[in-house]
Amino acid sequence: MQMNITARHDTKATDAIKERIMAKLQKNESHFDHITNIQVTIDKDDGSQDLAEATLHLDTGQEIFAKARGDNMFSAIDSLSSKIETQLQKAKSKTQTRKGIDKGMRLPPDELEEEVA
């Protein structure tokens, strides 16, 4: 998994912020292992709030995007992580059938007919 962290508009990506981002998003990767690339952007909002955005690219061709604001960068990152986790759980449930078999693990049509009969 490749991770890019970008800071815009006089926002500093300190080591503590980078470590927090990596820790939170790598925790999400342990739940859903189809993540290939993560792009995180941190910024200052027009007001006094901090803004964190993330785009996750999955090997299934999907993109997951989330944006969060907070009073400080750490609260924005925490909120962003929870939003991404929710979206990843939804994406993971869509890749499974109702019986819990991955779509890639489906039975060939001839074996399927034998089970039905």
PDB file of N, CA and C in Angstrom:
ATOM      1  N   MET A   1       0.845  -1.175   0.000  1.00  0.00           N
ATOM      2  CA  MET A   1       0.000   0.000   0.000  1.00  0.00           C
ATOM      3  C   MET A   1       0.888   1.235   0.000  1.00  0.00           C
ATOM      4  N   GLN A   2       0.559   2.159  -0.875  1.00  0.00           N
ATOM      5  CA  GLN A   2       1.295   3.407  -0.971  1.00  0.00           C
ATOM      6  C   GLN A   2       0.462   4.508  -0.328  1.00  0.00           C
ATOM      7  N   MET A   3       1.119   5.370   0.475  1.00  0.00           N
ATOM      8  CA  MET A   3       0.414   6.456   1.142  1.00  0.00           C
ATOM      9  C   MET A   3       1.130   7.772   0.855  1.00  0.00           C
ATOM     10  N   ASN A   4       0.367   8.766   0.382  1.00  0.00           N
ATOM     11  CA  ASN A   4       0.892  10.106   0.136  1.00  0.00           C
ATOM     12  C   ASN A   4       0.185  11.078   1.058  1.00  0.00           C
ATOM     13  N   ILE A   5       0.959  11.929   1.729  1.00  0.00           N
ATOM     14  CA  ILE A   5       0.398  12.939   2.625  1.00  0.00           C
ATOM     15  C   ILE A   5       0.813  14.303   2.093  1.00  0.00           C
ATOM     16  N   THR A   6      -0.178  15.166   1.850  1.00  0.00           N
ATOM     17  CA  THR A   6       0.062  16.483   1.291  1.00  0.00           C
ATOM     18  C   THR A   6      -0.499  17.537   2.232  1.00  0.00           C
ATOM     19  N   ALA A   7       0.281  18.599   2.456  1.00  0.00           N
ATOM     20  CA  ALA A   7      -0.173  19.726   3.269  1.00  0.00           C
ATOM     21  C   ALA A   7      -0.330  20.947   2.356  1.00  0.00           C
ATOM     22  N   ARG A   8      -1.446  21.644   2.514  1.00  0.00           N
ATOM     23  CA  ARG A   8      -1.714  22.821   1.680  1.00  0.00           C
ATOM     24  C   ARG A   8      -1.917  24.054   2.547  1.00  0.00           C
ATOM     25  N   HIS A   9      -1.724  25.209   1.916  1.00  0.00           N
ATOM     26  CA  HIS A   9      -2.028  26.508   2.505  1.00  0.00           C
ATOM     27  C   HIS A   9      -1.398  26.712   3.881  1.00  0.00           C
ATOM     28  N   ASP A  10      -0.109  26.694   3.938  1.00  0.00           N
ATOM     29  CA  ASP A  10       0.664  26.969   5.157  1.00  0.00           C
ATOM     30  C   ASP A  10       0.399  25.991   6.292  1.00  0.00           C
ATOM     31  N   THR A  11      -0.115  24.823   5.989  1.00  0.00           N
ATOM     32  CA  THR A  11      -0.302  23.788   7.000  1.00  0.00           C
ATOM     33  C   THR A  11       0.950  22.933   7.021  1.00  0.00           C
ATOM     34  N   LYS A  12       1.439  22.645   8.205  1.00  0.00           N
ATOM     35  CA  LYS A  12       2.647  21.829   8.347  1.00  0.00           C
ATOM     36  C   LYS A  12       2.259  20.391   8.656  1.00  0.00           C
ATOM     37  N   ALA A  13       2.846  19.467   7.916  1.00  0.00           N
ATOM     38  CA  ALA A  13       2.640  18.043   8.186  1.00  0.00           C
ATOM     39  C   ALA A  13       3.769  17.585   9.100  1.00  0.00           C
ATOM     40  N   THR A  14       3.574  17.771  10.399  1.00  0.00           N
ATOM     41  CA  THR A  14       4.606  17.402  11.361  1.00  0.00           C
ATOM     42  C   THR A  14       4.708  15.882  11.468  1.00  0.00           C
ATOM     43  N   ASP A  15       5.771  15.421  12.092  1.00  0.00           N
ATOM     44  CA  ASP A  15       5.959  13.981  12.266  1.00  0.00           C
ATOM     45  C   ASP A  15       4.824  13.369  13.089  1.00  0.00           C
ATOM     46  N   ALA A  16       4.348  14.096  14.098  1.00  0.00           N
ATOM     47  CA  ALA A  16       3.262  13.589  14.934  1.00  0.00           C
ATOM     48  C   ALA A  16       1.980  13.418  14.120  1.00  0.00           C
ATOM     49  N   ILE A  17       1.700  14.366  13.241  1.00  0.00           N
ATOM     50  CA  ILE A  17       0.503  14.278  12.395  1.00  0.00           C
ATOM     51  C   ILE A  17       0.649  13.122  11.410  1.00  0.00           C
ATOM     52  N   LYS A  18       1.819  12.977  10.804  1.00  0.00           N
ATOM     53  CA  LYS A  18       2.051  11.880   9.862  1.00  0.00           C
ATOM     54  C   LYS A  18       1.905  10.525  10.552  1.00  0.00           C
ATOM     55  N   GLU A  19       2.447  10.412  11.751  1.00  0.00           N
ATOM     56  CA  GLU A  19       2.330   9.148  12.499  1.00  0.00           C
ATOM     57  C   GLU A  19       0.874   8.836  12.832  1.00  0.00           C
ATOM     58  N   ARG A  20       0.104   9.859  13.204  1.00  0.00           N
ATOM     59  CA  ARG A  20      -1.308   9.667  13.544  1.00  0.00           C
ATOM     60  C   ARG A  20      -2.091   9.198  12.322  1.00  0.00           C
ATOM     61  N   ILE A  21      -1.821   9.832  11.169  1.00  0.00           N
ATOM     62  CA  ILE A  21      -2.499   9.452   9.930  1.00  0.00           C
ATOM     63  C   ILE A  21      -2.166   8.008   9.576  1.00  0.00           C
ATOM     64  N   MET A  22      -0.899   7.670   9.627  1.00  0.00           N
ATOM     65  CA  MET A  22      -0.475   6.320   9.261  1.00  0.00           C
ATOM     66  C   MET A  22      -1.068   5.276  10.208  1.00  0.00           C
ATOM     67  N   ALA A  23      -1.078   5.578  11.499  1.00  0.00           N
ATOM     68  CA  ALA A  23      -1.611   4.626  12.479  1.00  0.00           C
ATOM     69  C   ALA A  23      -3.110   4.398  12.254  1.00  0.00           C
ATOM     70  N   LYS A  24      -3.851   5.468  12.049  1.00  0.00           N
ATOM     71  CA  LYS A  24      -5.304   5.349  11.883  1.00  0.00           C
ATOM     72  C   LYS A  24      -5.679   4.630  10.583  1.00  0.00           C
ATOM     73  N   LEU A  25      -4.999   4.972   9.492  1.00  0.00           N
ATOM     74  CA  LEU A  25      -5.372   4.392   8.213  1.00  0.00           C
ATOM     75  C   LEU A  25      -4.833   2.977   8.042  1.00  0.00           C
ATOM     76  N   GLN A  26      -3.717   2.651   8.665  1.00  0.00           N
ATOM     77  CA  GLN A  26      -3.227   1.281   8.595  1.00  0.00           C
ATOM     78  C   GLN A  26      -4.104   0.349   9.426  1.00  0.00           C
ATOM     79  N   LYS A  27      -4.747   0.892  10.451  1.00  0.00           N
ATOM     80  CA  LYS A  27      -5.713   0.099  11.219  1.00  0.00           C
ATOM     81  C   LYS A  27      -6.883  -0.291  10.317  1.00  0.00           C
ATOM     82  N   ASN A  28      -7.313   0.632   9.460  1.00  0.00           N
ATOM     83  CA  ASN A  28      -8.391   0.333   8.520  1.00  0.00           C
ATOM     84  C   ASN A  28      -7.960  -0.697   7.491  1.00  0.00           C
ATOM     85  N   GLU A  29      -6.692  -0.681   7.121  1.00  0.00           N
ATOM     86  CA  GLU A  29      -6.205  -1.639   6.139  1.00  0.00           C
ATOM     87  C   GLU A  29      -6.269  -3.067   6.683  1.00  0.00           C
ATOM     88  N   SER A  30      -6.116  -3.229   7.979  1.00  0.00           N
ATOM     89  CA  SER A  30      -6.180  -4.564   8.557  1.00  0.00           C
ATOM     90  C   SER A  30      -7.596  -5.150   8.450  1.00  0.00           C
ATOM     91  N   HIS A  31      -8.604  -4.298   8.366  1.00  0.00           N
ATOM     92  CA  HIS A  31      -9.987  -4.758   8.210  1.00  0.00           C
ATOM     93  C   HIS A  31     -10.321  -5.084   6.757  1.00  0.00           C
ATOM     94  N   PHE A  32      -9.682  -4.369   5.833  1.00  0.00           N
ATOM     95  CA  PHE A  32     -10.019  -4.493   4.415  1.00  0.00           C
ATOM     96  C   PHE A  32      -8.725  -4.437   3.626  1.00  0.00           C
ATOM     97  N   ASP A  33      -8.268  -5.573   3.123  1.00  0.00           N
ATOM     98  CA  ASP A  33      -6.937  -5.661   2.536  1.00  0.00           C
ATOM     99  C   ASP A  33      -6.876  -5.369   1.040  1.00  0.00           C
ATOM    100  N   HIS A  34      -7.894  -4.762   0.470  1.00  0.00           N
ATOM    101  CA  HIS A  34      -7.908  -4.455  -0.958  1.00  0.00           C
ATOM    102  C   HIS A  34      -7.462  -3.023  -1.259  1.00  0.00           C
ATOM    103  N   ILE A  35      -6.891  -2.319  -0.306  1.00  0.00           N
ATOM    104  CA  ILE A  35      -6.451  -0.937  -0.493  1.00  0.00           C
ATOM    105  C   ILE A  35      -5.101  -0.943  -1.198  1.00  0.00           C
ATOM    106  N   THR A  36      -4.990  -0.181  -2.296  1.00  0.00           N
ATOM    107  CA  THR A  36      -3.725  -0.118  -3.025  1.00  0.00           C
ATOM    108  C   THR A  36      -3.017   1.216  -2.853  1.00  0.00           C
ATOM    109  N   ASN A  37      -3.773   2.302  -2.708  1.00  0.00           N
ATOM    110  CA  ASN A  37      -3.173   3.627  -2.637  1.00  0.00           C
ATOM    111  C   ASN A  37      -4.043   4.530  -1.770  1.00  0.00           C
ATOM    112  N   ILE A  38      -3.387   5.359  -0.960  1.00  0.00           N
ATOM    113  CA  ILE A  38      -4.107   6.330  -0.120  1.00  0.00           C
ATOM    114  C   ILE A  38      -3.489   7.704  -0.344  1.00  0.00           C
ATOM    115  N   GLN A  39      -4.330   8.690  -0.609  1.00  0.00           N
ATOM    116  CA  GLN A  39      -3.892  10.076  -0.756  1.00  0.00           C
ATOM    117  C   GLN A  39      -4.576  10.888   0.342  1.00  0.00           C
ATOM    118  N   VAL A  40      -3.794  11.489   1.237  1.00  0.00           N
ATOM    119  CA  VAL A  40      -4.331  12.288   2.342  1.00  0.00           C
ATOM    120  C   VAL A  40      -3.890  13.730   2.147  1.00  0.00           C
ATOM    121  N   THR A  41      -4.824  14.663   2.294  1.00  0.00           N
ATOM    122  CA  THR A  41      -4.527  16.092   2.194  1.00  0.00           C
ATOM    123  C   THR A  41      -4.991  16.768   3.466  1.00  0.00           C
ATOM    124  N   ILE A  42      -4.089  17.536   4.083  1.00  0.00           N
ATOM    125  CA  ILE A  42      -4.459  18.307   5.272  1.00  0.00           C
ATOM    126  C   ILE A  42      -4.391  19.785   4.907  1.00  0.00           C
ATOM    127  N   ASP A  43      -5.292  20.561   5.511  1.00  0.00           N
ATOM    128  CA  ASP A  43      -5.447  21.955   5.114  1.00  0.00           C
ATOM    129  C   ASP A  43      -6.077  22.740   6.256  1.00  0.00           C
ATOM    130  N   LYS A  44      -5.988  24.048   6.191  1.00  0.00           N
ATOM    131  CA  LYS A  44      -6.705  24.942   7.097  1.00  0.00           C
ATOM    132  C   LYS A  44      -7.970  25.401   6.400  1.00  0.00           C
ATOM    133  N   ASP A  45      -9.079  25.362   7.118  1.00  0.00           N
ATOM    134  CA  ASP A  45     -10.342  25.846   6.586  1.00  0.00           C
ATOM    135  C   ASP A  45     -10.314  27.377   6.597  1.00  0.00           C
ATOM    136  N   ASP A  46     -11.321  28.002   5.997  1.00  0.00           N
ATOM    137  CA  ASP A  46     -11.384  29.467   5.981  1.00  0.00           C
ATOM    138  C   ASP A  46     -11.425  30.038   7.390  1.00  0.00           C
ATOM    139  N   GLY A  47     -12.106  29.333   8.269  1.00  0.00           N
ATOM    140  CA  GLY A  47     -12.177  29.772   9.662  1.00  0.00           C
ATOM    141  C   GLY A  47     -10.967  29.268  10.422  1.00  0.00           C
ATOM    142  N   SER A  48     -11.189  28.848  11.623  1.00  0.00           N
ATOM    143  CA  SER A  48     -10.091  28.372  12.461  1.00  0.00           C
ATOM    144  C   SER A  48     -10.018  26.854  12.515  1.00  0.00           C
ATOM    145  N   GLN A  49     -10.843  26.177  11.716  1.00  0.00           N
ATOM    146  CA  GLN A  49     -10.871  24.716  11.768  1.00  0.00           C
ATOM    147  C   GLN A  49      -9.847  24.111  10.813  1.00  0.00           C
ATOM    148  N   ASP A  50      -9.419  22.899  11.173  1.00  0.00           N
ATOM    149  CA  ASP A  50      -8.513  22.143  10.325  1.00  0.00           C
ATOM    150  C   ASP A  50      -9.327  21.158   9.499  1.00  0.00           C
ATOM    151  N   LEU A  51      -8.823  20.844   8.319  1.00  0.00           N
ATOM    152  CA  LEU A  51      -9.529  20.003   7.370  1.00  0.00           C
ATOM    153  C   LEU A  51      -8.623  18.846   6.962  1.00  0.00           C
ATOM    154  N   ALA A  52      -9.174  17.647   6.927  1.00  0.00           N
ATOM    155  CA  ALA A  52      -8.443  16.462   6.471  1.00  0.00           C
ATOM    156  C   ALA A  52      -9.306  15.749   5.433  1.00  0.00           C
ATOM    157  N   GLU A  53      -8.691  15.408   4.293  1.00  0.00           N
ATOM    158  CA  GLU A  53      -9.369  14.696   3.223  1.00  0.00           C
ATOM    159  C   GLU A  53      -8.557  13.464   2.879  1.00  0.00           C
ATOM    160  N   ALA A  54      -9.234  12.391   2.494  1.00  0.00           N
ATOM    161  CA  ALA A  54      -8.527  11.178   2.089  1.00  0.00           C
ATOM    162  C   ALA A  54      -9.267  10.515   0.935  1.00  0.00           C
ATOM    163  N   THR A  55      -8.487  10.002  -0.007  1.00  0.00           N
ATOM    164  CA  THR A  55      -9.000   9.206  -1.116  1.00  0.00           C
ATOM    165  C   THR A  55      -8.282   7.871  -1.083  1.00  0.00           C
ATOM    166  N   LEU A  56      -9.049   6.797  -1.011  1.00  0.00           N
ATOM    167  CA  LEU A  56      -8.497   5.449  -1.009  1.00  0.00           C
ATOM    168  C   LEU A  56      -8.840   4.784  -2.330  1.00  0.00           C
ATOM    169  N   HIS A  57      -7.840   4.194  -2.959  1.00  0.00           N
ATOM    170  CA  HIS A  57      -8.044   3.454  -4.196  1.00  0.00           C
ATOM    171  C   HIS A  57      -7.997   1.974  -3.852  1.00  0.00           C
ATOM    172  N   LEU A  58      -9.014   1.235  -4.289  1.00  0.00           N
ATOM    173  CA  LEU A  58      -9.107  -0.191  -4.006  1.00  0.00           C
ATOM    174  C   LEU A  58      -8.777  -0.981  -5.264  1.00  0.00           C
ATOM    175  N   ASP A  59      -8.289  -2.200  -5.080  1.00  0.00           N
ATOM    176  CA  ASP A  59      -7.961  -3.018  -6.243  1.00  0.00           C
ATOM    177  C   ASP A  59      -9.197  -3.524  -6.975  1.00  0.00           C
ATOM    178  N   THR A  60     -10.368  -3.287  -6.419  1.00  0.00           N
ATOM    179  CA  THR A  60     -11.617  -3.631  -7.089  1.00  0.00           C
ATOM    180  C   THR A  60     -12.049  -2.540  -8.069  1.00  0.00           C
ATOM    181  N   GLY A  61     -11.291  -1.444  -8.133  1.00  0.00           N
ATOM    182  CA  GLY A  61     -11.618  -0.336  -9.026  1.00  0.00           C
ATOM    183  C   GLY A  61     -12.398   0.771  -8.347  1.00  0.00           C
ATOM    184  N   GLN A  62     -12.789   0.569  -7.107  1.00  0.00           N
ATOM    185  CA  GLN A  62     -13.559   1.584  -6.378  1.00  0.00           C
ATOM    186  C   GLN A  62     -12.632   2.650  -5.801  1.00  0.00           C
ATOM    187  N   GLU A  63     -13.204   3.815  -5.567  1.00  0.00           N
ATOM    188  CA  GLU A  63     -12.538   4.899  -4.852  1.00  0.00           C
ATOM    189  C   GLU A  63     -13.399   5.270  -3.668  1.00  0.00           C
ATOM    190  N   ILE A  64     -12.759   5.479  -2.525  1.00  0.00           N
ATOM    191  CA  ILE A  64     -13.472   5.913  -1.330  1.00  0.00           C
ATOM    192  C   ILE A  64     -12.918   7.271  -0.953  1.00  0.00           C
ATOM    193  N   PHE A  65     -13.818   8.239  -0.761  1.00  0.00           N
ATOM    194  CA  PHE A  65     -13.415   9.602  -0.414  1.00  0.00           C
ATOM    195  C   PHE A  65     -14.114  10.012   0.872  1.00  0.00           C
ATOM    196  N   ALA A  66     -13.364  10.682   1.744  1.00  0.00           N
ATOM    197  CA  ALA A  66     -13.950  11.210   2.981  1.00  0.00           C
ATOM    198  C   ALA A  66     -13.287  12.540   3.306  1.00  0.00           C
ATOM    199  N   LYS A  67     -14.041  13.396   3.959  1.00  0.00           N
ATOM    200  CA  LYS A  67     -13.559  14.719   4.363  1.00  0.00           C
ATOM    201  C   LYS A  67     -14.045  14.982   5.779  1.00  0.00           C
ATOM    202  N   ALA A  68     -13.175  15.534   6.620  1.00  0.00           N
ATOM    203  CA  ALA A  68     -13.564  15.814   8.004  1.00  0.00           C
ATOM    204  C   ALA A  68     -12.929  17.103   8.473  1.00  0.00           C
ATOM    205  N   ARG A  69     -13.656  17.804   9.333  1.00  0.00           N
ATOM    206  CA  ARG A  69     -13.155  19.040   9.940  1.00  0.00           C
ATOM    207  C   ARG A  69     -13.067  18.847  11.446  1.00  0.00           C
ATOM    208  N   GLY A  70     -12.173  19.606  12.062  1.00  0.00           N
ATOM    209  CA  GLY A  70     -12.048  19.541  13.502  1.00  0.00           C
ATOM    210  C   GLY A  70     -11.392  20.786  14.054  1.00  0.00           C
ATOM    211  N   ASP A  71     -11.490  20.960  15.374  1.00  0.00           N
ATOM    212  CA  ASP A  71     -10.870  22.120  16.019  1.00  0.00           C
ATOM    213  C   ASP A  71      -9.353  22.069  15.925  1.00  0.00           C
ATOM    214  N   ASN A  72      -8.805  20.852  15.915  1.00  0.00           N
ATOM    215  CA  ASN A  72      -7.368  20.689  15.679  1.00  0.00           C
ATOM    216  C   ASN A  72      -7.191  19.547  14.686  1.00  0.00           C
ATOM    217  N   MET A  73      -5.981  19.383  14.200  1.00  0.00           N
ATOM    218  CA  MET A  73      -5.735  18.392  13.156  1.00  0.00           C
ATOM    219  C   MET A  73      -5.959  16.963  13.658  1.00  0.00           C
ATOM    220  N   PHE A  74      -5.635  16.711  14.918  1.00  0.00           N
ATOM    221  CA  PHE A  74      -5.795  15.363  15.454  1.00  0.00           C
ATOM    222  C   PHE A  74      -7.266  14.949  15.516  1.00  0.00           C
ATOM    223  N   SER A  75      -8.146  15.861  15.899  1.00  0.00           N
ATOM    224  CA  SER A  75      -9.576  15.527  15.932  1.00  0.00           C
ATOM    225  C   SER A  75     -10.117  15.347  14.511  1.00  0.00           C
ATOM    226  N   ALA A  76      -9.603  16.118  13.560  1.00  0.00           N
ATOM    227  CA  ALA A  76     -10.024  15.953  12.168  1.00  0.00           C
ATOM    228  C   ALA A  76      -9.586  14.595  11.630  1.00  0.00           C
ATOM    229  N   ILE A  77      -8.382  14.158  11.975  1.00  0.00           N
ATOM    230  CA  ILE A  77      -7.875  12.857  11.527  1.00  0.00           C
ATOM    231  C   ILE A  77      -8.689  11.728  12.149  1.00  0.00           C
ATOM    232  N   ASP A  78      -9.033  11.849  13.431  1.00  0.00           N
ATOM    233  CA  ASP A  78      -9.849  10.821  14.092  1.00  0.00           C
ATOM    234  C   ASP A  78     -11.226  10.701  13.435  1.00  0.00           C
ATOM    235  N   SER A  79     -11.830  11.842  13.147  1.00  0.00           N
ATOM    236  CA  SER A  79     -13.141  11.845  12.498  1.00  0.00           C
ATOM    237  C   SER A  79     -13.042  11.265  11.088  1.00  0.00           C
ATOM    238  N   LEU A  80     -11.991  11.608  10.378  1.00  0.00           N
ATOM    239  CA  LEU A  80     -11.760  11.085   9.034  1.00  0.00           C
ATOM    240  C   LEU A  80     -11.615   9.568   9.060  1.00  0.00           C
ATOM    241  N   SER A  81     -10.886   9.068  10.021  1.00  0.00           N
ATOM    242  CA  SER A  81     -10.671   7.626  10.143  1.00  0.00           C
ATOM    243  C   SER A  81     -11.978   6.880  10.376  1.00  0.00           C
ATOM    244  N   SER A  82     -12.840   7.422  11.217  1.00  0.00           N
ATOM    245  CA  SER A  82     -14.119   6.746  11.475  1.00  0.00           C
ATOM    246  C   SER A  82     -15.019   6.772  10.243  1.00  0.00           C
ATOM    247  N   LYS A  83     -14.984   7.854   9.471  1.00  0.00           N
ATOM    248  CA  LYS A  83     -15.779   7.921   8.242  1.00  0.00           C
ATOM    249  C   LYS A  83     -15.280   6.902   7.218  1.00  0.00           C
ATOM    250  N   ILE A  84     -13.971   6.796   7.101  1.00  0.00           N
ATOM    251  CA  ILE A  84     -13.393   5.839   6.156  1.00  0.00           C
ATOM    252  C   ILE A  84     -13.714   4.412   6.580  1.00  0.00           C
ATOM    253  N   GLU A  85     -13.637   4.145   7.880  1.00  0.00           N
ATOM    254  CA  GLU A  85     -13.938   2.804   8.377  1.00  0.00           C
ATOM    255  C   GLU A  85     -15.366   2.401   8.034  1.00  0.00           C
ATOM    256  N   THR A  86     -16.309   3.318   8.181  1.00  0.00           N
ATOM    257  CA  THR A  86     -17.702   3.047   7.842  1.00  0.00           C
ATOM    258  C   THR A  86     -17.848   2.723   6.358  1.00  0.00           C
ATOM    259  N   GLN A  87     -17.185   3.511   5.501  1.00  0.00           N
ATOM    260  CA  GLN A  87     -17.284   3.277   4.066  1.00  0.00           C
ATOM    261  C   GLN A  87     -16.607   1.968   3.655  1.00  0.00           C
ATOM    262  N   LEU A  88     -15.492   1.628   4.308  1.00  0.00           N
ATOM    263  CA  LEU A  88     -14.811   0.376   3.994  1.00  0.00           C
ATOM    264  C   LEU A  88     -15.650  -0.828   4.396  1.00  0.00           C
ATOM    265  N   GLN A  89     -16.341  -0.734   5.527  1.00  0.00           N
ATOM    266  CA  GLN A  89     -17.219  -1.833   5.944  1.00  0.00           C
ATOM    267  C   GLN A  89     -18.340  -2.030   4.929  1.00  0.00           C
ATOM    268  N   LYS A  90     -18.865  -0.930   4.409  1.00  0.00           N
ATOM    269  CA  LYS A  90     -19.918  -1.017   3.401  1.00  0.00           C
ATOM    270  C   LYS A  90     -19.373  -1.639   2.114  1.00  0.00           C
ATOM    271  N   ALA A  91     -18.178  -1.226   1.702  1.00  0.00           N
ATOM    272  CA  ALA A  91     -17.570  -1.784   0.487  1.00  0.00           C
ATOM    273  C   ALA A  91     -17.260  -3.263   0.662  1.00  0.00           C
ATOM    274  N   LYS A  92     -16.832  -3.649   1.844  1.00  0.00           N
ATOM    275  CA  LYS A  92     -16.521  -5.047   2.104  1.00  0.00           C
ATOM    276  C   LYS A  92     -17.778  -5.897   2.063  1.00  0.00           C
ATOM    277  N   SER A  93     -18.860  -5.402   2.619  1.00  0.00           N
ATOM    278  CA  SER A  93     -20.106  -6.175   2.614  1.00  0.00           C
ATOM    279  C   SER A  93     -20.660  -6.311   1.198  1.00  0.00           C
ATOM    280  N   LYS A  94     -20.381  -5.341   0.327  1.00  0.00           N
ATOM    281  CA  LYS A  94     -20.852  -5.432  -1.051  1.00  0.00           C
ATOM    282  C   LYS A  94     -20.077  -6.473  -1.849  1.00  0.00           C
ATOM    283  N   THR A  95     -18.857  -6.782  -1.446  1.00  0.00           N
ATOM    284  CA  THR A  95     -18.067  -7.761  -2.180  1.00  0.00           C
ATOM    285  C   THR A  95     -18.420  -9.187  -1.794  1.00  0.00           C
ATOM    286  N   GLN A  96     -19.239  -9.355  -0.784  1.00  0.00           N
ATOM    287  CA  GLN A  96     -19.629 -10.690  -0.348  1.00  0.00           C
ATOM    288  C   GLN A  96     -21.082 -10.955  -0.723  1.00  0.00           C
ATOM    289  N   THR A  97     -21.398 -12.207  -0.972  1.00  0.00           N
ATOM    290  CA  THR A  97     -22.788 -12.556  -1.240  1.00  0.00           C
ATOM    291  C   THR A  97     -23.500 -12.756   0.091  1.00  0.00           C
ATOM    292  N   ARG A  98     -24.774 -13.045   0.039  1.00  0.00           N
ATOM    293  CA  ARG A  98     -25.524 -13.221   1.274  1.00  0.00           C
ATOM    294  C   ARG A  98     -25.066 -14.440   2.069  1.00  0.00           C
ATOM    295  N   LYS A  99     -24.529 -15.434   1.389  1.00  0.00           N
ATOM    296  CA  LYS A  99     -24.079 -16.632   2.084  1.00  0.00           C
ATOM    297  C   LYS A  99     -22.653 -16.492   2.592  1.00  0.00           C
ATOM    298  N   GLY A 100     -22.033 -15.368   2.349  1.00  0.00           N
ATOM    299  CA  GLY A 100     -20.701 -15.133   2.887  1.00  0.00           C
ATOM    300  C   GLY A 100     -19.577 -15.641   2.017  1.00  0.00           C
ATOM    301  N   ILE A 101     -19.861 -16.036   0.780  1.00  0.00           N
ATOM    302  CA  ILE A 101     -18.814 -16.487  -0.125  1.00  0.00           C
ATOM    303  C   ILE A 101     -18.387 -15.291  -0.961  1.00  0.00           C
ATOM    304  N   ASP A 102     -17.080 -15.080  -1.082  1.00  0.00           N
ATOM    305  CA  ASP A 102     -16.590 -13.989  -1.917  1.00  0.00           C
ATOM    306  C   ASP A 102     -17.058 -14.195  -3.350  1.00  0.00           C
ATOM    307  N   LYS A 103     -17.303 -13.107  -4.055  1.00  0.00           N
ATOM    308  CA  LYS A 103     -17.752 -13.208  -5.437  1.00  0.00           C
ATOM    309  C   LYS A 103     -16.700 -13.892  -6.306  1.00  0.00           C
ATOM    310  N   GLY A 104     -15.446 -13.733  -5.993  1.00  0.00           N
ATOM    311  CA  GLY A 104     -14.394 -14.374  -6.755  1.00  0.00           C
ATOM    312  C   GLY A 104     -14.317 -15.866  -6.504  1.00  0.00           C
ATOM    313  N   MET A 105     -14.971 -16.358  -5.474  1.00  0.00           N
ATOM    314  CA  MET A 105     -14.903 -17.762  -5.099  1.00  0.00           C
ATOM    315  C   MET A 105     -16.178 -18.516  -5.505  1.00  0.00           C
ATOM    316  N   ARG A 106     -16.926 -18.003  -6.454  1.00  0.00           N
ATOM    317  CA  ARG A 106     -18.184 -18.650  -6.849  1.00  0.00           C
ATOM    318  C   ARG A 106     -17.906 -20.000  -7.501  1.00  0.00           C
ATOM    319  N   LEU A 107     -18.886 -20.865  -7.425  1.00  0.00           N
ATOM    320  CA  LEU A 107     -18.776 -22.193  -8.006  1.00  0.00           C
ATOM    321  C   LEU A 107     -19.018 -22.137  -9.507  1.00  0.00           C
ATOM    322  N   PRO A 108     -18.369 -23.039 -10.274  1.00  0.00           N
ATOM    323  CA  PRO A 108     -18.661 -23.121 -11.708  1.00  0.00           C
ATOM    324  C   PRO A 108     -20.119 -23.513 -11.922  1.00  0.00           C
ATOM    325  N   PRO A 109     -20.714 -23.166 -13.059  1.00  0.00           N
ATOM    326  CA  PRO A 109     -22.141 -23.440 -13.293  1.00  0.00           C
ATOM    327  C   PRO A 109     -22.504 -24.909 -13.177  1.00  0.00           C
ATOM    328  N   ASP A 110     -21.624 -25.840 -13.591  1.00  0.00           N
ATOM    329  CA  ASP A 110     -21.979 -27.248 -13.503  1.00  0.00           C
ATOM    330  C   ASP A 110     -22.056 -27.727 -12.052  1.00  0.00           C
ATOM    331  N   GLU A 111     -21.184 -27.232 -11.181  1.00  0.00           N
ATOM    332  CA  GLU A 111     -21.246 -27.595  -9.768  1.00  0.00           C
ATOM    333  C   GLU A 111     -22.443 -26.943  -9.095  1.00  0.00           C
ATOM    334  N   LEU A 112     -22.803 -25.765  -9.565  1.00  0.00           N
ATOM    335  CA  LEU A 112     -23.942 -25.056  -9.006  1.00  0.00           C
ATOM    336  C   LEU A 112     -25.237 -25.829  -9.274  1.00  0.00           C
ATOM    337  N   GLU A 113     -25.376 -26.392 -10.477  1.00  0.00           N
ATOM    338  CA  GLU A 113     -26.577 -27.158 -10.818  1.00  0.00           C
ATOM    339  C   GLU A 113     -26.678 -28.408  -9.965  1.00  0.00           C
ATOM    340  N   GLU A 114     -25.545 -29.031  -9.620  1.00  0.00           N
ATOM    341  CA  GLU A 114     -25.567 -30.220  -8.801  1.00  0.00           C
ATOM    342  C   GLU A 114     -26.064 -29.911  -7.398  1.00  0.00           C
ATOM    343  N   GLU A 115     -25.692 -28.743  -6.871  1.00  0.00           N
ATOM    344  CA  GLU A 115     -26.123 -28.369  -5.525  1.00  0.00           C
ATOM    345  C   GLU A 115     -27.612 -28.075  -5.495  1.00  0.00           C
ATOM    346  N   VAL A 116     -28.136 -27.475  -6.555  1.00  0.00           N
ATOM    347  CA  VAL A 116     -29.553 -27.122  -6.628  1.00  0.00           C
ATOM    348  C   VAL A 116     -30.404 -28.386  -6.711  1.00  0.00           C
ATOM    349  N   ALA A 117     -29.941 -29.362  -7.450  1.00  0.00           N
ATOM    350  CA  ALA A 117     -30.721 -30.585  -7.675  1.00  0.00           C
ATOM    351  C   ALA A 117     -30.853 -31.450  -6.459  1.00  0.00           C
TER     352      ALA A 117
END
